[in-house]
């Protein structure tokens, strides 16, 4: 079955709790969190139980209802294992500012799953399959995530580059602006579902 590792979601939530607590105690800053696919369940579980202030959350492939999500997977011949009690979960995000990344061709996590009436709700869509936005559109995806996060936490150096012209005077690349991110610390953990379909464009 796909996602047998997800039997240990409770342990992952405990790990996230420990990391968030460490960051908050060491820096005095409220952390931002990001969850992909089943990782959104872990982030949501953490949000229901933590007293640590969370500044922002980013969800890619949001799972609003594990029960409905598992049924959609089953309709496509996929089986997911979750710990007892997790299938019936319903999550409330509260007032934390959120960015929902939605893949328009995703049949597992859809735009309709995003909580209605969520304050400070931001949505960014990509024309791709489940959690494939970063792989298909890495520049636009990264820019969207970085712009959502507090820019004061990052050092960005813009650069105006001129058009490129060949020896005959023909423009082969238009000029434009690039932005270089000096420092950004990211931990990427792909779940079994994302890994299984990572080769699908």
Protein backbone atom coordinates (compact mmCIF):
# COMPACT_ATOMS: atom_id res chain seq x y z
CA UNK A 1 0.00 0.00 0.00
CA UNK A 2 1.05 3.57 -0.71
CA UNK A 3 1.95 5.52 2.36
CA UNK A 4 2.55 2.77 4.91
CA UNK A 5 5.07 5.12 6.52
CA UNK A 6 2.12 7.33 7.40
CA UNK A 7 1.21 4.92 10.18
CA UNK A 8 3.80 6.95 12.08
CA UNK A 9 2.20 10.36 11.57
CA UNK A 10 1.89 10.77 15.36
CA UNK A 11 5.67 10.46 15.69
CA UNK A 12 6.19 12.98 12.89
CA UNK A 13 3.94 15.46 14.72
CA UNK A 14 6.00 14.96 17.87
CA UNK A 15 9.19 15.60 15.87
CA UNK A 16 7.74 18.78 14.38
CA UNK A 17 6.69 19.93 17.84
CA UNK A 18 10.25 19.45 19.12
CA UNK A 19 11.81 21.33 16.18
CA UNK A 20 9.34 24.23 16.37
CA UNK A 21 9.85 24.51 20.14
CA UNK A 22 13.64 24.54 19.67
CA UNK A 23 13.49 27.25 16.98
CA UNK A 24 11.11 29.39 19.02
CA UNK A 25 13.15 29.09 22.23
CA UNK A 26 16.50 29.67 20.52
CA UNK A 27 15.51 32.57 18.25
CA UNK A 28 12.50 34.08 20.01
CA UNK A 29 10.79 34.16 16.60
CA UNK A 30 7.56 32.42 15.66
CA UNK A 31 8.36 29.83 12.99
CA UNK A 32 6.71 29.40 9.61
CA UNK A 33 5.69 25.89 8.53
CA UNK A 34 5.19 24.13 5.20
CA UNK A 35 3.46 20.83 4.50
CA UNK A 36 3.14 18.89 1.25
CA UNK A 37 0.39 16.34 0.64
CA UNK A 38 0.32 14.10 3.72
CA UNK A 39 2.70 16.58 5.34
CA UNK A 40 -0.28 18.94 5.52
CA UNK A 41 -1.91 16.45 7.92
CA UNK A 42 1.19 16.59 10.12
CA UNK A 43 1.21 20.41 10.14
CA UNK A 44 -2.52 20.53 10.88
CA UNK A 45 -2.22 18.02 13.72
CA UNK A 46 0.60 20.11 15.17
CA UNK A 47 -1.44 23.32 14.89
CA UNK A 48 -4.33 21.77 16.86
CA UNK A 49 -2.15 21.02 19.89
CA UNK A 50 0.66 23.59 20.01
CA UNK A 51 0.93 26.71 22.16
CA UNK A 52 3.84 28.00 20.07
CA UNK A 53 2.87 31.03 17.96
CA UNK A 54 3.12 30.20 14.26
CA UNK A 55 3.64 33.17 11.96
CA UNK A 56 2.61 31.57 8.65
CA UNK A 57 1.84 28.21 7.08
CA UNK A 58 2.21 26.99 3.50
CA UNK A 59 0.23 24.01 2.21
CA UNK A 60 0.87 22.26 -1.11
CA UNK A 61 -1.64 19.50 -1.87
CA UNK A 62 -3.82 20.39 1.12
CA UNK A 63 -5.67 17.55 2.85
CA UNK A 64 -8.78 19.04 4.46
CA UNK A 65 -10.49 15.73 5.17
CA UNK A 66 -8.30 12.59 5.32
CA UNK A 67 -11.42 10.42 4.83
CA UNK A 68 -12.44 12.13 1.57
CA UNK A 69 -8.84 12.24 0.41
CA UNK A 70 -8.35 8.50 0.96
CA UNK A 71 -11.58 7.80 -0.96
CA UNK A 72 -10.27 9.82 -3.93
CA UNK A 73 -7.02 7.86 -3.85
CA UNK A 74 -8.95 4.58 -3.69
CA UNK A 75 -10.95 5.61 -6.77
CA UNK A 76 -7.61 5.83 -8.57
CA UNK A 77 -6.43 2.46 -7.33
CA UNK A 78 -4.21 3.80 -4.52
CA UNK A 79 -4.27 2.67 -0.90
CA UNK A 80 -3.10 4.82 2.01
CA UNK A 81 -2.65 3.70 5.59
CA UNK A 82 -3.29 6.15 8.44
CA UNK A 83 -3.25 5.66 12.21
CA UNK A 84 -6.56 4.86 13.90
CA UNK A 85 -8.70 7.96 14.33
CA UNK A 86 -7.02 10.08 11.67
CA UNK A 87 -9.50 9.32 8.89
CA UNK A 88 -12.28 11.27 10.63
CA UNK A 89 -10.23 14.41 11.36
CA UNK A 90 -11.56 17.86 10.45
CA UNK A 91 -9.08 20.71 10.78
CA UNK A 92 -9.45 24.38 11.74
CA UNK A 93 -6.58 26.69 10.97
CA UNK A 94 -7.59 29.57 13.20
CA UNK A 95 -6.13 32.98 12.37
CA UNK A 96 -2.71 31.95 11.09
CA UNK A 97 -1.87 33.46 7.70
CA UNK A 98 -1.87 30.71 5.09
CA UNK A 99 -0.69 30.12 1.53
CA UNK A 100 -2.40 27.28 -0.32
CA UNK A 101 -0.60 25.99 -3.40
CA UNK A 102 -3.05 24.23 -5.69
CA UNK A 103 -2.25 22.03 -8.68
CA UNK A 104 -5.07 22.53 -11.17
CA UNK A 105 -4.88 18.96 -12.53
CA UNK A 106 -4.78 17.42 -9.06
CA UNK A 107 -7.55 14.87 -8.50
CA UNK A 108 -6.58 14.20 -4.88
CA UNK A 109 -6.36 17.67 -3.33
CA UNK A 110 -8.54 20.30 -4.99
CA UNK A 111 -9.32 23.99 -4.78
CA UNK A 112 -12.64 23.17 -3.11
CA UNK A 113 -10.74 21.63 -0.15
CA UNK A 114 -9.38 25.00 0.96
CA UNK A 115 -11.28 26.25 4.04
CA UNK A 116 -13.90 28.86 3.22
CA UNK A 117 -13.77 32.12 5.14
CA UNK A 118 -10.18 31.53 6.22
CA UNK A 119 -8.70 34.94 7.24
CA UNK A 120 -5.47 35.93 5.53
CA UNK A 121 -5.93 33.15 3.01
CA UNK A 122 -3.68 33.24 -0.05
CA UNK A 123 -3.98 30.89 -3.02
CA UNK A 124 -1.46 30.22 -5.79
CA UNK A 125 -2.31 27.81 -8.61
CA UNK A 126 -0.16 25.89 -11.07
CA UNK A 127 -1.15 23.99 -14.21
CA UNK A 128 0.17 20.60 -13.14
CA UNK A 129 -0.55 17.42 -11.17
CA UNK A 130 -0.46 16.68 -7.44
CA UNK A 131 2.40 18.61 -5.69
CA UNK A 132 4.28 18.99 -9.00
CA UNK A 133 4.41 22.80 -8.98
CA UNK A 134 8.00 23.04 -7.77
CA UNK A 135 9.24 20.50 -10.34
CA UNK A 136 7.32 21.97 -13.27
CA UNK A 137 7.65 25.67 -12.44
CA UNK A 138 10.61 25.98 -10.02
CA UNK A 139 11.18 29.71 -10.52
CA UNK A 140 7.56 30.81 -10.13
CA UNK A 141 7.00 28.37 -7.26
CA UNK A 142 10.04 29.54 -5.29
CA UNK A 143 9.22 33.19 -5.90
CA UNK A 144 5.67 32.66 -4.64
CA UNK A 145 6.83 30.95 -1.46
CA UNK A 146 9.59 33.46 -0.71
CA UNK A 147 7.33 36.47 -1.35
CA UNK A 148 4.75 35.03 1.04
CA UNK A 149 7.29 34.61 3.83
CA UNK A 150 8.42 37.74 5.66
CA UNK A 151 11.01 39.28 3.35
CA UNK A 152 12.91 40.74 6.28
CA UNK A 153 14.11 37.22 7.03
CA UNK A 154 15.90 36.94 3.69
CA UNK A 155 18.55 38.83 1.74
CA UNK A 156 17.58 39.24 -1.90
CA UNK A 157 19.83 40.96 -4.47
CA UNK A 158 18.06 42.10 -7.63
CA UNK A 159 20.09 42.25 -10.84
CA UNK A 160 19.13 43.96 -14.10
CA UNK A 161 20.58 41.97 -16.98
CA UNK A 162 20.83 43.33 -20.55
CA UNK A 163 19.52 41.61 -23.66
CA UNK A 164 21.83 39.10 -25.32
CA UNK A 165 22.58 39.86 -28.97
CA UNK A 166 24.38 37.65 -31.49
CA UNK A 167 27.07 38.89 -33.90
CA UNK A 168 24.42 39.82 -36.47
CA UNK A 169 22.61 42.08 -34.02
CA UNK A 170 19.70 39.66 -33.48
CA UNK A 171 18.32 39.59 -29.94
CA UNK A 172 18.49 35.98 -28.74
CA UNK A 173 17.49 36.71 -25.15
CA UNK A 174 15.49 39.65 -23.83
CA UNK A 175 16.76 41.68 -20.89
CA UNK A 176 15.09 41.42 -17.53
CA UNK A 177 15.49 41.29 -13.77
CA UNK A 178 16.72 38.39 -11.67
CA UNK A 179 16.67 38.14 -7.88
CA UNK A 180 19.25 36.09 -6.06
CA UNK A 181 18.42 34.70 -2.64
CA UNK A 182 21.57 34.71 -0.51
CA UNK A 183 20.33 32.51 2.34
CA UNK A 184 17.34 30.24 2.79
CA UNK A 185 17.19 27.11 4.90
CA UNK A 186 14.74 24.51 3.67
CA UNK A 187 14.10 20.88 4.62
CA UNK A 188 12.23 18.94 1.94
CA UNK A 189 10.58 15.67 2.91
CA UNK A 190 8.70 13.98 0.09
CA UNK A 191 6.03 11.54 1.12
CA UNK A 192 5.54 8.18 -0.57
CA UNK A 193 2.84 9.49 -2.90
CA UNK A 194 4.99 12.37 -4.16
CA UNK A 195 7.95 10.04 -4.68
CA UNK A 196 5.88 7.45 -6.53
CA UNK A 197 4.69 10.01 -9.10
CA UNK A 198 7.77 12.27 -9.17
CA UNK A 199 8.63 11.10 -12.71
CA UNK A 200 5.26 12.15 -14.13
CA UNK A 201 5.56 15.54 -15.87
